[in-house]
Amino acid sequence: MPRRRILIGFGLFMVSFAAALTVFILAHPKPVIDEATKNRIRPGMTEVEVDDIIGAPEGLYTPGNFITGRKSYDVIFHFPGAAKRKRWVGEQGIILVYFDSHGKALESFFYRAKWQ
């Protein structure tokens, strides 16, 4: 009888763990950081709209060091009139979006990156 109780308890634990893992995965979708996504971003969109298109707030979504083929994408691109820049780094590359002081997108760029 105690062995059966242990097996039932373990089975319930595994079912609960699988359900929690499923909820976590569905609640944290992986952002899409590629040129097609960048092309959906239009001038005048809000920061929230841009985050929704990409699928996550700005950040680093891949491990490792990247090479863009440029000395520094940060220094090369200072967009006139921009009050804020947001950056998403993913497996295929980097999306940069510049916003004005009202939080509206001015311009967006995509850079392919190689990973070390």
PDB file of N, CA and C in Angstrom:
ATOM      1  N   MET A   1       0.811  -1.203   0.000  1.00  0.00           N
ATOM      2  CA  MET A   1       0.000   0.000   0.000  1.00  0.00           C
ATOM      3  C   MET A   1       0.859   1.273   0.000  1.00  0.00           C
ATOM      4  N   PRO A   2       1.917   1.393   0.840  1.00  0.00           N
ATOM      5  CA  PRO A   2       2.736   2.601   0.832  1.00  0.00           C
ATOM      6  C   PRO A   2       3.403   2.811  -0.534  1.00  0.00           C
ATOM      7  N   ARG A   3       3.802   1.714  -1.203  1.00  0.00           N
ATOM      8  CA  ARG A   3       4.438   1.859  -2.509  1.00  0.00           C
ATOM      9  C   ARG A   3       3.457   2.442  -3.521  1.00  0.00           C
ATOM     10  N   ARG A   4       2.243   2.004  -3.490  1.00  0.00           N
ATOM     11  CA  ARG A   4       1.218   2.530  -4.406  1.00  0.00           C
ATOM     12  C   ARG A   4       0.997   4.018  -4.158  1.00  0.00           C
ATOM     13  N   ARG A   5       0.950   4.407  -2.892  1.00  0.00           N
ATOM     14  CA  ARG A   5       0.771   5.807  -2.530  1.00  0.00           C
ATOM     15  C   ARG A   5       1.935   6.661  -3.049  1.00  0.00           C
ATOM     16  N   ILE A   6       3.149   6.144  -2.936  1.00  0.00           N
ATOM     17  CA  ILE A   6       4.326   6.854  -3.446  1.00  0.00           C
ATOM     18  C   ILE A   6       4.242   7.005  -4.960  1.00  0.00           C
ATOM     19  N   LEU A   7       3.861   5.963  -5.650  1.00  0.00           N
ATOM     20  CA  LEU A   7       3.734   6.026  -7.114  1.00  0.00           C
ATOM     21  C   LEU A   7       2.645   7.008  -7.547  1.00  0.00           C
ATOM     22  N   ILE A   8       1.543   7.012  -6.864  1.00  0.00           N
ATOM     23  CA  ILE A   8       0.464   7.960  -7.181  1.00  0.00           C
ATOM     24  C   ILE A   8       0.932   9.387  -6.913  1.00  0.00           C
ATOM     25  N   GLY A   9       1.610   9.608  -5.793  1.00  0.00           N
ATOM     26  CA  GLY A   9       2.140  10.936  -5.478  1.00  0.00           C
ATOM     27  C   GLY A   9       3.140  11.395  -6.523  1.00  0.00           C
ATOM     28  N   PHE A  10       4.033  10.493  -6.932  1.00  0.00           N
ATOM     29  CA  PHE A  10       5.021  10.839  -7.953  1.00  0.00           C
ATOM     30  C   PHE A  10       4.328  11.146  -9.286  1.00  0.00           C
ATOM     31  N   GLY A  11       3.324  10.363  -9.631  1.00  0.00           N
ATOM     32  CA  GLY A  11       2.576  10.602 -10.872  1.00  0.00           C
ATOM     33  C   GLY A  11       1.890  11.960 -10.855  1.00  0.00           C
ATOM     34  N   LEU A  12       1.270  12.314  -9.742  1.00  0.00           N
ATOM     35  CA  LEU A  12       0.623  13.623  -9.620  1.00  0.00           C
ATOM     36  C   LEU A  12       1.643  14.753  -9.706  1.00  0.00           C
ATOM     37  N   PHE A  13       2.819  14.551  -9.105  1.00  0.00           N
ATOM     38  CA  PHE A  13       3.878  15.553  -9.190  1.00  0.00           C
ATOM     39  C   PHE A  13       4.305  15.751 -10.647  1.00  0.00           C
ATOM     40  N   MET A  14       4.505  14.678 -11.385  1.00  0.00           N
ATOM     41  CA  MET A  14       4.948  14.774 -12.779  1.00  0.00           C
ATOM     42  C   MET A  14       3.895  15.465 -13.655  1.00  0.00           C
ATOM     43  N   VAL A  15       2.633  15.171 -13.438  1.00  0.00           N
ATOM     44  CA  VAL A  15       1.563  15.825 -14.196  1.00  0.00           C
ATOM     45  C   VAL A  15       1.540  17.319 -13.874  1.00  0.00           C
ATOM     46  N   SER A  16       1.674  17.658 -12.607  1.00  0.00           N
ATOM     47  CA  SER A  16       1.697  19.072 -12.211  1.00  0.00           C
ATOM     48  C   SER A  16       2.907  19.788 -12.811  1.00  0.00           C
ATOM     49  N   PHE A  17       4.059  19.137 -12.795  1.00  0.00           N
ATOM     50  CA  PHE A  17       5.267  19.724 -13.361  1.00  0.00           C
ATOM     51  C   PHE A  17       5.097  19.959 -14.864  1.00  0.00           C
ATOM     52  N   ALA A  18       4.554  18.999 -15.577  1.00  0.00           N
ATOM     53  CA  ALA A  18       4.341  19.137 -17.024  1.00  0.00           C
ATOM     54  C   ALA A  18       3.370  20.280 -17.322  1.00  0.00           C
ATOM     55  N   ALA A  19       2.325  20.411 -16.528  1.00  0.00           N
ATOM     56  CA  ALA A  19       1.360  21.495 -16.728  1.00  0.00           C
ATOM     57  C   ALA A  19       2.019  22.851 -16.477  1.00  0.00           C
ATOM     58  N   ALA A  20       2.813  22.958 -15.429  1.00  0.00           N
ATOM     59  CA  ALA A  20       3.498  24.224 -15.125  1.00  0.00           C
ATOM     60  C   ALA A  20       4.495  24.578 -16.218  1.00  0.00           C
ATOM     61  N   LEU A  21       5.224  23.601 -16.725  1.00  0.00           N
ATOM     62  CA  LEU A  21       6.178  23.842 -17.809  1.00  0.00           C
ATOM     63  C   LEU A  21       5.469  24.312 -19.072  1.00  0.00           C
ATOM     64  N   THR A  22       4.344  23.721 -19.395  1.00  0.00           N
ATOM     65  CA  THR A  22       3.561  24.131 -20.566  1.00  0.00           C
ATOM     66  C   THR A  22       3.091  25.569 -20.428  1.00  0.00           C
ATOM     67  N   VAL A  23       2.592  25.936 -19.279  1.00  0.00           N
ATOM     68  CA  VAL A  23       2.139  27.314 -19.044  1.00  0.00           C
ATOM     69  C   VAL A  23       3.312  28.285 -19.175  1.00  0.00           C
ATOM     70  N   PHE A  24       4.458  27.918 -18.623  1.00  0.00           N
ATOM     71  CA  PHE A  24       5.640  28.786 -18.707  1.00  0.00           C
ATOM     72  C   PHE A  24       6.062  28.992 -20.159  1.00  0.00           C
ATOM     73  N   ILE A  25       6.120  27.946 -20.930  1.00  0.00           N
ATOM     74  CA  ILE A  25       6.537  28.049 -22.334  1.00  0.00           C
ATOM     75  C   ILE A  25       5.544  28.889 -23.133  1.00  0.00           C
ATOM     76  N   LEU A  26       4.269  28.690 -22.917  1.00  0.00           N
ATOM     77  CA  LEU A  26       3.258  29.454 -23.660  1.00  0.00           C
ATOM     78  C   LEU A  26       3.227  30.922 -23.235  1.00  0.00           C
ATOM     79  N   ALA A  27       3.554  31.196 -21.986  1.00  0.00           N
ATOM     80  CA  ALA A  27       3.520  32.572 -21.489  1.00  0.00           C
ATOM     81  C   ALA A  27       4.779  33.352 -21.862  1.00  0.00           C
ATOM     82  N   HIS A  28       5.841  32.671 -22.290  1.00  0.00           N
ATOM     83  CA  HIS A  28       7.103  33.318 -22.640  1.00  0.00           C
ATOM     84  C   HIS A  28       7.526  32.930 -24.049  1.00  0.00           C
ATOM     85  N   PRO A  29       6.808  33.433 -25.070  1.00  0.00           N
ATOM     86  CA  PRO A  29       7.177  33.068 -26.437  1.00  0.00           C
ATOM     87  C   PRO A  29       8.534  33.663 -26.809  1.00  0.00           C
ATOM     88  N   LYS A  30       9.235  32.992 -27.706  1.00  0.00           N
ATOM     89  CA  LYS A  30      10.533  33.468 -28.165  1.00  0.00           C
ATOM     90  C   LYS A  30      10.313  34.578 -29.186  1.00  0.00           C
ATOM     91  N   PRO A  31      10.998  35.700 -29.033  1.00  0.00           N
ATOM     92  CA  PRO A  31      10.824  36.793 -29.988  1.00  0.00           C
ATOM     93  C   PRO A  31      11.382  36.427 -31.365  1.00  0.00           C
ATOM     94  N   VAL A  32      10.813  37.045 -32.395  1.00  0.00           N
ATOM     95  CA  VAL A  32      11.281  36.832 -33.761  1.00  0.00           C
ATOM     96  C   VAL A  32      12.108  38.052 -34.154  1.00  0.00           C
ATOM     97  N   ILE A  33      13.414  37.866 -34.245  1.00  0.00           N
ATOM     98  CA  ILE A  33      14.329  38.961 -34.552  1.00  0.00           C
ATOM     99  C   ILE A  33      14.985  38.655 -35.890  1.00  0.00           C
ATOM    100  N   ASP A  34      14.340  39.123 -36.960  1.00  0.00           N
ATOM    101  CA  ASP A  34      14.865  38.903 -38.303  1.00  0.00           C
ATOM    102  C   ASP A  34      14.448  40.054 -39.213  1.00  0.00           C
ATOM    103  N   GLU A  35      14.878  39.999 -40.462  1.00  0.00           N
ATOM    104  CA  GLU A  35      14.604  41.100 -41.382  1.00  0.00           C
ATOM    105  C   GLU A  35      13.118  41.232 -41.697  1.00  0.00           C
ATOM    106  N   ALA A  36      12.411  40.108 -41.795  1.00  0.00           N
ATOM    107  CA  ALA A  36      10.973  40.153 -42.076  1.00  0.00           C
ATOM    108  C   ALA A  36      10.224  40.878 -40.947  1.00  0.00           C
ATOM    109  N   THR A  37      10.623  40.628 -39.699  1.00  0.00           N
ATOM    110  CA  THR A  37      10.008  41.310 -38.560  1.00  0.00           C
ATOM    111  C   THR A  37      10.312  42.795 -38.600  1.00  0.00           C
ATOM    112  N   LYS A  38      11.565  43.136 -38.880  1.00  0.00           N
ATOM    113  CA  LYS A  38      11.955  44.547 -38.985  1.00  0.00           C
ATOM    114  C   LYS A  38      11.121  45.252 -40.036  1.00  0.00           C
ATOM    115  N   ASN A  39      10.849  44.581 -41.149  1.00  0.00           N
ATOM    116  CA  ASN A  39      10.075  45.192 -42.241  1.00  0.00           C
ATOM    117  C   ASN A  39       8.622  45.459 -41.871  1.00  0.00           C
ATOM    118  N   ARG A  40       8.119  44.864 -40.803  1.00  0.00           N
ATOM    119  CA  ARG A  40       6.746  45.117 -40.338  1.00  0.00           C
ATOM    120  C   ARG A  40       6.658  46.362 -39.461  1.00  0.00           C
ATOM    121  N   ILE A  41       7.800  46.861 -39.010  1.00  0.00           N
ATOM    122  CA  ILE A  41       7.832  48.040 -38.145  1.00  0.00           C
ATOM    123  C   ILE A  41       7.740  49.291 -39.013  1.00  0.00           C
ATOM    124  N   ARG A  42       6.787  50.160 -38.709  1.00  0.00           N
ATOM    125  CA  ARG A  42       6.539  51.374 -39.503  1.00  0.00           C
ATOM    126  C   ARG A  42       6.762  52.626 -38.670  1.00  0.00           C
ATOM    127  N   PRO A  43       7.221  53.699 -39.312  1.00  0.00           N
ATOM    128  CA  PRO A  43       7.335  54.979 -38.606  1.00  0.00           C
ATOM    129  C   PRO A  43       5.984  55.378 -38.013  1.00  0.00           C
ATOM    130  N   GLY A  44       6.016  55.909 -36.799  1.00  0.00           N
ATOM    131  CA  GLY A  44       4.789  56.334 -36.130  1.00  0.00           C
ATOM    132  C   GLY A  44       4.228  55.304 -35.167  1.00  0.00           C
ATOM    133  N   MET A  45       4.731  54.055 -35.230  1.00  0.00           N
ATOM    134  CA  MET A  45       4.265  53.039 -34.283  1.00  0.00           C
ATOM    135  C   MET A  45       4.763  53.376 -32.884  1.00  0.00           C
ATOM    136  N   THR A  46       3.989  52.989 -31.882  1.00  0.00           N
ATOM    137  CA  THR A  46       4.399  53.199 -30.495  1.00  0.00           C
ATOM    138  C   THR A  46       5.384  52.115 -30.068  1.00  0.00           C
ATOM    139  N   GLU A  47       6.052  52.350 -28.938  1.00  0.00           N
ATOM    140  CA  GLU A  47       6.974  51.356 -28.413  1.00  0.00           C
ATOM    141  C   GLU A  47       6.259  50.037 -28.117  1.00  0.00           C
ATOM    142  N   VAL A  48       5.040  50.117 -27.606  1.00  0.00           N
ATOM    143  CA  VAL A  48       4.267  48.911 -27.299  1.00  0.00           C
ATOM    144  C   VAL A  48       3.951  48.147 -28.583  1.00  0.00           C
ATOM    145  N   GLU A  49       3.574  48.854 -29.645  1.00  0.00           N
ATOM    146  CA  GLU A  49       3.285  48.188 -30.916  1.00  0.00           C
ATOM    147  C   GLU A  49       4.528  47.488 -31.462  1.00  0.00           C
ATOM    148  N   VAL A  50       5.678  48.129 -31.349  1.00  0.00           N
ATOM    149  CA  VAL A  50       6.927  47.519 -31.817  1.00  0.00           C
ATOM    150  C   VAL A  50       7.252  46.283 -30.983  1.00  0.00           C
ATOM    151  N   ASP A  51       7.118  46.384 -29.656  1.00  0.00           N
ATOM    152  CA  ASP A  51       7.352  45.225 -28.789  1.00  0.00           C
ATOM    153  C   ASP A  51       6.429  44.072 -29.168  1.00  0.00           C
ATOM    154  N   ASP A  52       5.172  44.374 -29.481  1.00  0.00           N
ATOM    155  CA  ASP A  52       4.209  43.339 -29.861  1.00  0.00           C
ATOM    156  C   ASP A  52       4.604  42.661 -31.173  1.00  0.00           C
ATOM    157  N   ILE A  53       5.089  43.435 -32.140  1.00  0.00           N
ATOM    158  CA  ILE A  53       5.508  42.855 -33.419  1.00  0.00           C
ATOM    159  C   ILE A  53       6.691  41.909 -33.221  1.00  0.00           C
ATOM    160  N   ILE A  54       7.661  42.339 -32.435  1.00  0.00           N
ATOM    161  CA  ILE A  54       8.848  41.520 -32.215  1.00  0.00           C
ATOM    162  C   ILE A  54       8.549  40.359 -31.276  1.00  0.00           C
ATOM    163  N   GLY A  55       7.654  40.572 -30.340  1.00  0.00           N
ATOM    164  CA  GLY A  55       7.235  39.492 -29.459  1.00  0.00           C
ATOM    165  C   GLY A  55       7.863  39.508 -28.083  1.00  0.00           C
ATOM    166  N   ALA A  56       8.601  40.590 -27.771  1.00  0.00           N
ATOM    167  CA  ALA A  56       9.240  40.687 -26.459  1.00  0.00           C
ATOM    168  C   ALA A  56       9.792  42.091 -26.281  1.00  0.00           C
ATOM    169  N   PRO A  57      10.041  42.490 -25.031  1.00  0.00           N
ATOM    170  CA  PRO A  57      10.710  43.779 -24.821  1.00  0.00           C
ATOM    171  C   PRO A  57      12.151  43.690 -25.299  1.00  0.00           C
ATOM    172  N   GLU A  58      12.791  44.839 -25.474  1.00  0.00           N
ATOM    173  CA  GLU A  58      14.170  44.825 -25.960  1.00  0.00           C
ATOM    174  C   GLU A  58      15.064  43.997 -25.059  1.00  0.00           C
ATOM    175  N   GLY A  59      16.113  43.407 -25.668  1.00  0.00           N
ATOM    176  CA  GLY A  59      17.036  42.628 -24.863  1.00  0.00           C
ATOM    177  C   GLY A  59      17.868  41.690 -25.707  1.00  0.00           C
ATOM    178  N   LEU A  60      18.674  40.895 -25.017  1.00  0.00           N
ATOM    179  CA  LEU A  60      19.543  39.909 -25.629  1.00  0.00           C
ATOM    180  C   LEU A  60      18.848  38.561 -25.564  1.00  0.00           C
ATOM    181  N   TYR A  61      18.534  37.980 -26.731  1.00  0.00           N
ATOM    182  CA  TYR A  61      17.780  36.734 -26.783  1.00  0.00           C
ATOM    183  C   TYR A  61      18.589  35.595 -27.394  1.00  0.00           C
ATOM    184  N   THR A  62      19.894  35.651 -27.249  1.00  0.00           N
ATOM    185  CA  THR A  62      20.750  34.568 -27.691  1.00  0.00           C
ATOM    186  C   THR A  62      22.067  34.645 -26.928  1.00  0.00           C
ATOM    187  N   PRO A  63      22.651  33.510 -26.625  1.00  0.00           N
ATOM    188  CA  PRO A  63      23.938  33.533 -25.940  1.00  0.00           C
ATOM    189  C   PRO A  63      25.082  33.777 -26.922  1.00  0.00           C
ATOM    190  N   GLY A  64      26.215  34.139 -26.413  1.00  0.00           N
ATOM    191  CA  GLY A  64      27.400  34.255 -27.249  1.00  0.00           C
ATOM    192  C   GLY A  64      27.720  35.666 -27.659  1.00  0.00           C
ATOM    193  N   ASN A  65      28.830  35.802 -28.360  1.00  0.00           N
ATOM    194  CA  ASN A  65      29.289  37.081 -28.887  1.00  0.00           C
ATOM    195  C   ASN A  65      28.925  37.163 -30.357  1.00  0.00           C
ATOM    196  N   PHE A  66      28.618  38.354 -30.823  1.00  0.00           N
ATOM    197  CA  PHE A  66      28.225  38.503 -32.216  1.00  0.00           C
ATOM    198  C   PHE A  66      29.176  39.408 -32.970  1.00  0.00           C
ATOM    199  N   ILE A  67      29.207  39.201 -34.297  1.00  0.00           N
ATOM    200  CA  ILE A  67      30.018  40.005 -35.198  1.00  0.00           C
ATOM    201  C   ILE A  67      29.074  40.546 -36.262  1.00  0.00           C
ATOM    202  N   THR A  68      29.014  41.882 -36.406  1.00  0.00           N
ATOM    203  CA  THR A  68      28.118  42.480 -37.396  1.00  0.00           C
ATOM    204  C   THR A  68      28.825  42.831 -38.682  1.00  0.00           C
ATOM    205  N   GLY A  69      30.133  42.741 -38.698  1.00  0.00           N
ATOM    206  CA  GLY A  69      30.885  43.162 -39.876  1.00  0.00           C
ATOM    207  C   GLY A  69      31.190  44.647 -39.838  1.00  0.00           C
ATOM    208  N   ARG A  70      30.794  45.328 -38.790  1.00  0.00           N
ATOM    209  CA  ARG A  70      31.067  46.755 -38.602  1.00  0.00           C
ATOM    210  C   ARG A  70      31.841  46.899 -37.301  1.00  0.00           C
ATOM    211  N   LYS A  71      32.606  47.968 -37.190  1.00  0.00           N
ATOM    212  CA  LYS A  71      33.351  48.176 -35.944  1.00  0.00           C
ATOM    213  C   LYS A  71      32.396  48.333 -34.775  1.00  0.00           C
ATOM    214  N   SER A  72      31.352  49.106 -34.959  1.00  0.00           N
ATOM    215  CA  SER A  72      30.366  49.282 -33.894  1.00  0.00           C
ATOM    216  C   SER A  72      29.075  49.806 -34.488  1.00  0.00           C
ATOM    217  N   TYR A  73      28.028  49.021 -34.401  1.00  0.00           N
ATOM    218  CA  TYR A  73      26.737  49.489 -34.907  1.00  0.00           C
ATOM    219  C   TYR A  73      26.193  50.604 -34.018  1.00  0.00           C
ATOM    220  N   ASP A  74      26.623  50.676 -32.762  1.00  0.00           N
ATOM    221  CA  ASP A  74      26.166  51.746 -31.869  1.00  0.00           C
ATOM    222  C   ASP A  74      26.686  53.111 -32.311  1.00  0.00           C
ATOM    223  N   VAL A  75      27.944  53.183 -32.665  1.00  0.00           N
ATOM    224  CA  VAL A  75      28.569  54.455 -33.014  1.00  0.00           C
ATOM    225  C   VAL A  75      28.165  54.919 -34.407  1.00  0.00           C
ATOM    226  N   ILE A  76      28.073  53.991 -35.346  1.00  0.00           N
ATOM    227  CA  ILE A  76      27.795  54.343 -36.731  1.00  0.00           C
ATOM    228  C   ILE A  76      26.417  54.979 -36.881  1.00  0.00           C
ATOM    229  N   PHE A  77      25.441  54.485 -36.157  1.00  0.00           N
ATOM    230  CA  PHE A  77      24.080  54.946 -36.368  1.00  0.00           C
ATOM    231  C   PHE A  77      23.547  55.767 -35.199  1.00  0.00           C
ATOM    232  N   HIS A  78      23.708  57.047 -35.326  1.00  0.00           N
ATOM    233  CA  HIS A  78      23.042  57.986 -34.429  1.00  0.00           C
ATOM    234  C   HIS A  78      21.968  58.626 -35.289  1.00  0.00           C
ATOM    235  N   PHE A  79      20.716  58.375 -34.972  1.00  0.00           N
ATOM    236  CA  PHE A  79      19.629  58.847 -35.823  1.00  0.00           C
ATOM    237  C   PHE A  79      19.192  60.248 -35.399  1.00  0.00           C
ATOM    238  N   PRO A  80      19.229  61.215 -36.312  1.00  0.00           N
ATOM    239  CA  PRO A  80      18.838  62.598 -35.968  1.00  0.00           C
ATOM    240  C   PRO A  80      17.398  62.673 -35.457  1.00  0.00           C
ATOM    241  N   GLY A  81      17.199  63.384 -34.366  1.00  0.00           N
ATOM    242  CA  GLY A  81      15.868  63.566 -33.804  1.00  0.00           C
ATOM    243  C   GLY A  81      15.420  62.457 -32.874  1.00  0.00           C
ATOM    244  N   ALA A  82      16.241  61.420 -32.743  1.00  0.00           N
ATOM    245  CA  ALA A  82      15.862  60.299 -31.883  1.00  0.00           C
ATOM    246  C   ALA A  82      16.133  60.635 -30.421  1.00  0.00           C
ATOM    247  N   ALA A  83      15.142  60.339 -29.592  1.00  0.00           N
ATOM    248  CA  ALA A  83      15.292  60.536 -28.151  1.00  0.00           C
ATOM    249  C   ALA A  83      15.641  59.225 -27.456  1.00  0.00           C
ATOM    250  N   LYS A  84      15.366  58.104 -28.132  1.00  0.00           N
ATOM    251  CA  LYS A  84      15.548  56.807 -27.507  1.00  0.00           C
ATOM    252  C   LYS A  84      15.826  55.764 -28.576  1.00  0.00           C
ATOM    253  N   ARG A  85      16.648  54.782 -28.224  1.00  0.00           N
ATOM    254  CA  ARG A  85      16.892  53.652 -29.115  1.00  0.00           C
ATOM    255  C   ARG A  85      16.624  52.364 -28.351  1.00  0.00           C
ATOM    256  N   LYS A  86      15.955  51.422 -29.008  1.00  0.00           N
ATOM    257  CA  LYS A  86      15.751  50.110 -28.413  1.00  0.00           C
ATOM    258  C   LYS A  86      16.424  49.085 -29.313  1.00  0.00           C
ATOM    259  N   ARG A  87      16.965  48.017 -28.691  1.00  0.00           N
ATOM    260  CA  ARG A  87      17.742  47.029 -29.421  1.00  0.00           C
ATOM    261  C   ARG A  87      17.319  45.616 -29.017  1.00  0.00           C
ATOM    262  N   TRP A  88      17.106  44.777 -30.032  1.00  0.00           N
ATOM    263  CA  TRP A  88      16.809  43.369 -29.835  1.00  0.00           C
ATOM    264  C   TRP A  88      17.913  42.583 -30.520  1.00  0.00           C
ATOM    265  N   VAL A  89      18.549  41.670 -29.792  1.00  0.00           N
ATOM    266  CA  VAL A  89      19.629  40.853 -30.342  1.00  0.00           C
ATOM    267  C   VAL A  89      19.165  39.401 -30.339  1.00  0.00           C
ATOM    268  N   GLY A  90      19.124  38.800 -31.537  1.00  0.00           N
ATOM    269  CA  GLY A  90      18.672  37.422 -31.682  1.00  0.00           C
ATOM    270  C   GLY A  90      19.648  36.595 -32.489  1.00  0.00           C
ATOM    271  N   GLU A  91      19.270  35.357 -32.756  1.00  0.00           N
ATOM    272  CA  GLU A  91      20.150  34.427 -33.459  1.00  0.00           C
ATOM    273  C   GLU A  91      20.462  34.866 -34.880  1.00  0.00           C
ATOM    274  N   GLN A  92      19.526  35.516 -35.552  1.00  0.00           N
ATOM    275  CA  GLN A  92      19.754  35.917 -36.943  1.00  0.00           C
ATOM    276  C   GLN A  92      20.365  37.308 -37.067  1.00  0.00           C
ATOM    277  N   GLY A  93      20.273  38.121 -36.036  1.00  0.00           N
ATOM    278  CA  GLY A  93      20.830  39.461 -36.125  1.00  0.00           C
ATOM    279  C   GLY A  93      20.292  40.398 -35.066  1.00  0.00           C
ATOM    280  N   ILE A  94      20.341  41.692 -35.392  1.00  0.00           N
ATOM    281  CA  ILE A  94      20.001  42.752 -34.446  1.00  0.00           C
ATOM    282  C   ILE A  94      18.972  43.684 -35.078  1.00  0.00           C
ATOM    283  N   ILE A  95      17.924  44.010 -34.331  1.00  0.00           N
ATOM    284  CA  ILE A  95      16.960  45.039 -34.756  1.00  0.00           C
ATOM    285  C   ILE A  95      17.188  46.254 -33.865  1.00  0.00           C
ATOM    286  N   LEU A  96      17.387  47.404 -34.502  1.00  0.00           N
ATOM    287  CA  LEU A  96      17.478  48.679 -33.794  1.00  0.00           C
ATOM    288  C   LEU A  96      16.276  49.511 -34.209  1.00  0.00           C
ATOM    289  N   VAL A  97      15.607  50.123 -33.239  1.00  0.00           N
ATOM    290  CA  VAL A  97      14.484  51.014 -33.534  1.00  0.00           C
ATOM    291  C   VAL A  97      14.717  52.310 -32.779  1.00  0.00           C
ATOM    292  N   TYR A  98      14.619  53.421 -33.499  1.00  0.00           N
ATOM    293  CA  TYR A  98      14.787  54.754 -32.909  1.00  0.00           C
ATOM    294  C   TYR A  98      13.421  55.385 -32.722  1.00  0.00           C
ATOM    295  N   PHE A  99      13.215  56.014 -31.545  1.00  0.00           N
ATOM    296  CA  PHE A  99      11.940  56.626 -31.190  1.00  0.00           C
ATOM    297  C   PHE A  99      12.135  58.109 -30.911  1.00  0.00           C
ATOM    298  N   ASP A 100      11.079  58.885 -31.175  1.00  0.00           N
ATOM    299  CA  ASP A 100      11.125  60.313 -30.852  1.00  0.00           C
ATOM    300  C   ASP A 100      10.756  60.518 -29.381  1.00  0.00           C
ATOM    301  N   SER A 101      10.669  61.753 -28.961  1.00  0.00           N
ATOM    302  CA  SER A 101      10.388  62.056 -27.552  1.00  0.00           C
ATOM    303  C   SER A 101       8.960  61.697 -27.136  1.00  0.00           C
ATOM    304  N   HIS A 102       8.092  61.386 -28.095  1.00  0.00           N
ATOM    305  CA  HIS A 102       6.716  60.978 -27.793  1.00  0.00           C
ATOM    306  C   HIS A 102       6.553  59.462 -27.826  1.00  0.00           C
ATOM    307  N   GLY A 103       7.664  58.742 -28.015  1.00  0.00           N
ATOM    308  CA  GLY A 103       7.603  57.281 -28.039  1.00  0.00           C
ATOM    309  C   GLY A 103       7.131  56.707 -29.356  1.00  0.00           C
ATOM    310  N   LYS A 104       7.223  57.472 -30.427  1.00  0.00           N
ATOM    311  CA  LYS A 104       6.818  57.002 -31.759  1.00  0.00           C
ATOM    312  C   LYS A 104       8.060  56.612 -32.555  1.00  0.00           C
ATOM    313  N   ALA A 105       7.977  55.498 -33.275  1.00  0.00           N
ATOM    314  CA  ALA A 105       9.114  55.020 -34.058  1.00  0.00           C
ATOM    315  C   ALA A 105       9.455  56.002 -35.173  1.00  0.00           C
ATOM    316  N   LEU A 106      10.743  56.272 -35.316  1.00  0.00           N
ATOM    317  CA  LEU A 106      11.234  57.118 -36.403  1.00  0.00           C
ATOM    318  C   LEU A 106      11.772  56.254 -37.540  1.00  0.00           C
ATOM    319  N   GLU A 107      12.613  55.273 -37.187  1.00  0.00           N
ATOM    320  CA  GLU A 107      13.238  54.419 -38.192  1.00  0.00           C
ATOM    321  C   GLU A 107      13.679  53.127 -37.523  1.00  0.00           C
ATOM    322  N   SER A 108      13.786  52.066 -38.330  1.00  0.00           N
ATOM    323  CA  SER A 108      14.266  50.787 -37.807  1.00  0.00           C
ATOM    324  C   SER A 108      15.311  50.219 -38.759  1.00  0.00           C
ATOM    325  N   PHE A 109      16.214  49.418 -38.201  1.00  0.00           N
ATOM    326  CA  PHE A 109      17.294  48.810 -38.967  1.00  0.00           C
ATOM    327  C   PHE A 109      17.465  47.360 -38.537  1.00  0.00           C
ATOM    328  N   PHE A 110      17.917  46.528 -39.472  1.00  0.00           N
ATOM    329  CA  PHE A 110      18.251  45.136 -39.162  1.00  0.00           C
ATOM    330  C   PHE A 110      19.664  44.871 -39.642  1.00  0.00           C
ATOM    331  N   TYR A 111      20.453  44.219 -38.798  1.00  0.00           N
ATOM    332  CA  TYR A 111      21.826  43.853 -39.150  1.00  0.00           C
ATOM    333  C   TYR A 111      21.992  42.356 -38.931  1.00  0.00           C
ATOM    334  N   ARG A 112      22.422  41.666 -39.963  1.00  0.00           N
ATOM    335  CA  ARG A 112      22.734  40.242 -39.806  1.00  0.00           C
ATOM    336  C   ARG A 112      23.982  40.129 -38.929  1.00  0.00           C
ATOM    337  N   ALA A 113      24.016  39.100 -38.130  1.00  0.00           N
ATOM    338  CA  ALA A 113      25.169  38.900 -37.240  1.00  0.00           C
ATOM    339  C   ALA A 113      25.630  37.462 -37.314  1.00  0.00           C
ATOM    340  N   LYS A 114      26.920  37.284 -37.169  1.00  0.00           N
ATOM    341  CA  LYS A 114      27.505  35.944 -37.053  1.00  0.00           C
ATOM    342  C   LYS A 114      27.847  35.756 -35.582  1.00  0.00           C
ATOM    343  N   TRP A 115      27.674  34.531 -35.119  1.00  0.00           N
ATOM    344  CA  TRP A 115      27.880  34.248 -33.696  1.00  0.00           C
ATOM    345  C   TRP A 115      29.140  33.437 -33.504  1.00  0.00           C
ATOM    346  N   GLN A 116      29.903  33.778 -32.490  1.00  0.00           N
ATOM    347  CA  GLN A 116      31.120  33.041 -32.157  1.00  0.00           C
ATOM    348  C   GLN A 116      30.820  31.999 -31.120  1.00  0.00           C
TER     349      GLN A 116
END
